[in-house]
């Protein structure tokens, strides 16, 4: 039963694509959204060779999926860890990295789905406009 429900839920990647599509549609209304971008980190199931090359380029485990490079609300910027809407958990590496980022003055949120991520972005930017 749980497995069947998870099969119909959007994947984490689909949820992130939804956030980016929203960003693309809103950038002319809210220009600061041009500073929302993805961070290529080691995704579960990544090919070993690719993961090794990415680590050699400086990719670190636990770094959140998205970053909004806008200082607001007394923080330097907003990191977003995307998750599926149900049955998710943070890895040990994510917990450690999120703590480091928070101590360095960044807001870090874990969002179960695109709606939560969009809500976090809107709150960070104090967006009161539609969309």
Protein backbone atom coordinates (compact mmCIF):
# COMPACT_ATOMS: atom_id res chain seq x y z
CA UNK A 1 0.00 0.00 0.00
CA UNK A 2 2.73 2.50 0.97
CA UNK A 3 4.82 1.40 -2.00
CA UNK A 4 1.86 2.02 -4.32
CA UNK A 5 1.35 5.54 -2.91
CA UNK A 6 5.03 6.38 -3.34
CA UNK A 7 4.91 5.14 -6.93
CA UNK A 8 2.32 7.79 -7.81
CA UNK A 9 3.97 10.64 -5.91
CA UNK A 10 6.26 12.87 -7.96
CA UNK A 11 9.95 12.13 -7.57
CA UNK A 12 12.30 14.59 -5.89
CA UNK A 13 13.62 15.55 -9.33
CA UNK A 14 10.09 16.23 -10.61
CA UNK A 15 9.36 18.39 -7.57
CA UNK A 16 12.57 20.36 -8.18
CA UNK A 17 11.70 20.81 -11.86
CA UNK A 18 8.34 22.26 -10.74
CA UNK A 19 10.13 24.81 -8.54
CA UNK A 20 12.43 25.80 -11.41
CA UNK A 21 9.48 26.11 -13.82
CA UNK A 22 7.77 28.39 -11.28
CA UNK A 23 10.99 30.42 -10.99
CA UNK A 24 11.19 30.77 -14.76
CA UNK A 25 7.60 32.02 -14.91
CA UNK A 26 8.10 34.52 -12.08
CA UNK A 27 11.55 35.98 -12.83
CA UNK A 28 10.23 39.00 -14.70
CA UNK A 29 7.86 39.80 -11.83
CA UNK A 30 10.48 39.14 -9.12
CA UNK A 31 13.97 39.71 -10.59
CA UNK A 32 15.73 38.29 -7.50
CA UNK A 33 14.55 34.86 -8.67
CA UNK A 34 17.33 35.03 -11.29
CA UNK A 35 19.57 34.14 -8.34
CA UNK A 36 17.82 30.81 -7.60
CA UNK A 37 19.84 27.93 -9.00
CA UNK A 38 20.50 24.22 -8.59
CA UNK A 39 23.66 22.80 -7.06
CA UNK A 40 24.88 19.59 -8.72
CA UNK A 41 25.55 17.30 -5.78
CA UNK A 42 25.91 13.55 -5.42
CA UNK A 43 22.44 12.19 -6.02
CA UNK A 44 21.62 8.72 -4.72
CA UNK A 45 22.21 6.21 -7.49
CA UNK A 46 24.68 8.41 -9.35
CA UNK A 47 27.23 6.46 -11.36
CA UNK A 48 30.40 5.87 -9.38
CA UNK A 49 32.67 7.38 -12.01
CA UNK A 50 30.59 10.54 -12.32
CA UNK A 51 30.32 10.90 -8.54
CA UNK A 52 34.10 10.61 -8.21
CA UNK A 53 34.67 13.22 -10.91
CA UNK A 54 32.18 15.56 -9.26
CA UNK A 55 33.91 15.20 -5.87
CA UNK A 56 37.18 16.05 -7.61
CA UNK A 57 35.56 19.25 -8.82
CA UNK A 58 34.57 20.20 -5.28
CA UNK A 59 31.09 18.73 -4.90
CA UNK A 60 30.41 17.88 -1.26
CA UNK A 61 27.90 15.37 0.11
CA UNK A 62 25.03 16.90 2.01
CA UNK A 63 24.93 20.22 0.18
CA UNK A 64 21.29 21.21 -0.46
CA UNK A 65 19.74 21.03 -3.92
CA UNK A 66 18.90 24.69 -4.52
CA UNK A 67 20.36 28.02 -3.47
CA UNK A 68 18.75 31.45 -3.54
CA UNK A 69 21.69 33.87 -3.42
CA UNK A 70 19.73 36.73 -1.91
CA UNK A 71 20.45 38.11 1.55
CA UNK A 72 17.17 38.69 3.38
CA UNK A 73 15.61 38.21 6.81
CA UNK A 74 18.99 38.57 8.54
CA UNK A 75 20.58 35.64 6.66
CA UNK A 76 23.05 35.54 3.78
CA UNK A 77 20.85 33.42 1.51
CA UNK A 78 18.46 30.47 1.38
CA UNK A 79 19.46 26.85 0.81
CA UNK A 80 16.68 24.40 -0.07
CA UNK A 81 16.88 20.63 0.32
CA UNK A 82 14.21 19.07 -1.90
CA UNK A 83 12.44 15.89 -0.84
CA UNK A 84 9.46 13.87 -1.97
CA UNK A 85 6.20 14.70 -0.26
CA UNK A 86 6.21 11.54 1.88
CA UNK A 87 8.63 9.02 3.36
CA UNK A 88 11.78 11.08 3.25
CA UNK A 89 14.68 11.55 5.64
CA UNK A 90 17.90 13.51 5.75
CA UNK A 91 21.18 11.65 5.48
CA UNK A 92 23.85 12.12 8.12
CA UNK A 93 25.89 14.14 5.61
CA UNK A 94 22.89 16.42 4.96
CA UNK A 95 22.28 16.97 8.67
CA UNK A 96 25.95 17.91 9.22
CA UNK A 97 26.15 20.21 6.18
CA UNK A 98 22.85 21.93 6.96
CA UNK A 99 24.15 22.66 10.46
CA UNK A 100 27.39 24.09 9.07
CA UNK A 101 25.48 26.32 6.65
CA UNK A 102 23.13 27.51 9.37
CA UNK A 103 26.04 28.37 11.68
CA UNK A 104 27.63 30.30 8.78
CA UNK A 105 24.58 32.56 8.59
CA UNK A 106 22.40 30.90 5.95
CA UNK A 107 18.79 29.78 6.17
CA UNK A 108 18.45 26.07 5.36
CA UNK A 109 15.05 24.48 4.81
CA UNK A 110 14.02 20.97 3.90
CA UNK A 111 10.93 21.01 1.72
CA UNK A 112 8.61 18.07 1.11
CA UNK A 113 7.53 18.92 -2.41
CA UNK A 114 7.51 21.92 -4.70
CA UNK A 115 4.72 23.73 -2.87
CA UNK A 116 6.74 23.90 0.35
CA UNK A 117 9.83 25.08 -1.54
CA UNK A 118 7.91 27.82 -3.34
CA UNK A 119 6.38 28.90 -0.04
CA UNK A 120 9.86 29.09 1.55
CA UNK A 121 11.18 31.17 -1.37
CA UNK A 122 8.19 33.51 -1.27
CA UNK A 123 8.64 33.96 2.48
CA UNK A 124 12.38 34.59 2.16
CA UNK A 125 11.79 37.25 -0.50
CA UNK A 126 8.69 38.64 1.24
CA UNK A 127 6.73 38.12 -1.99
CA UNK A 128 3.16 39.28 -1.69
CA UNK A 129 2.40 39.00 -5.37
CA UNK A 130 0.38 36.26 -7.02
CA UNK A 131 1.86 33.12 -8.51
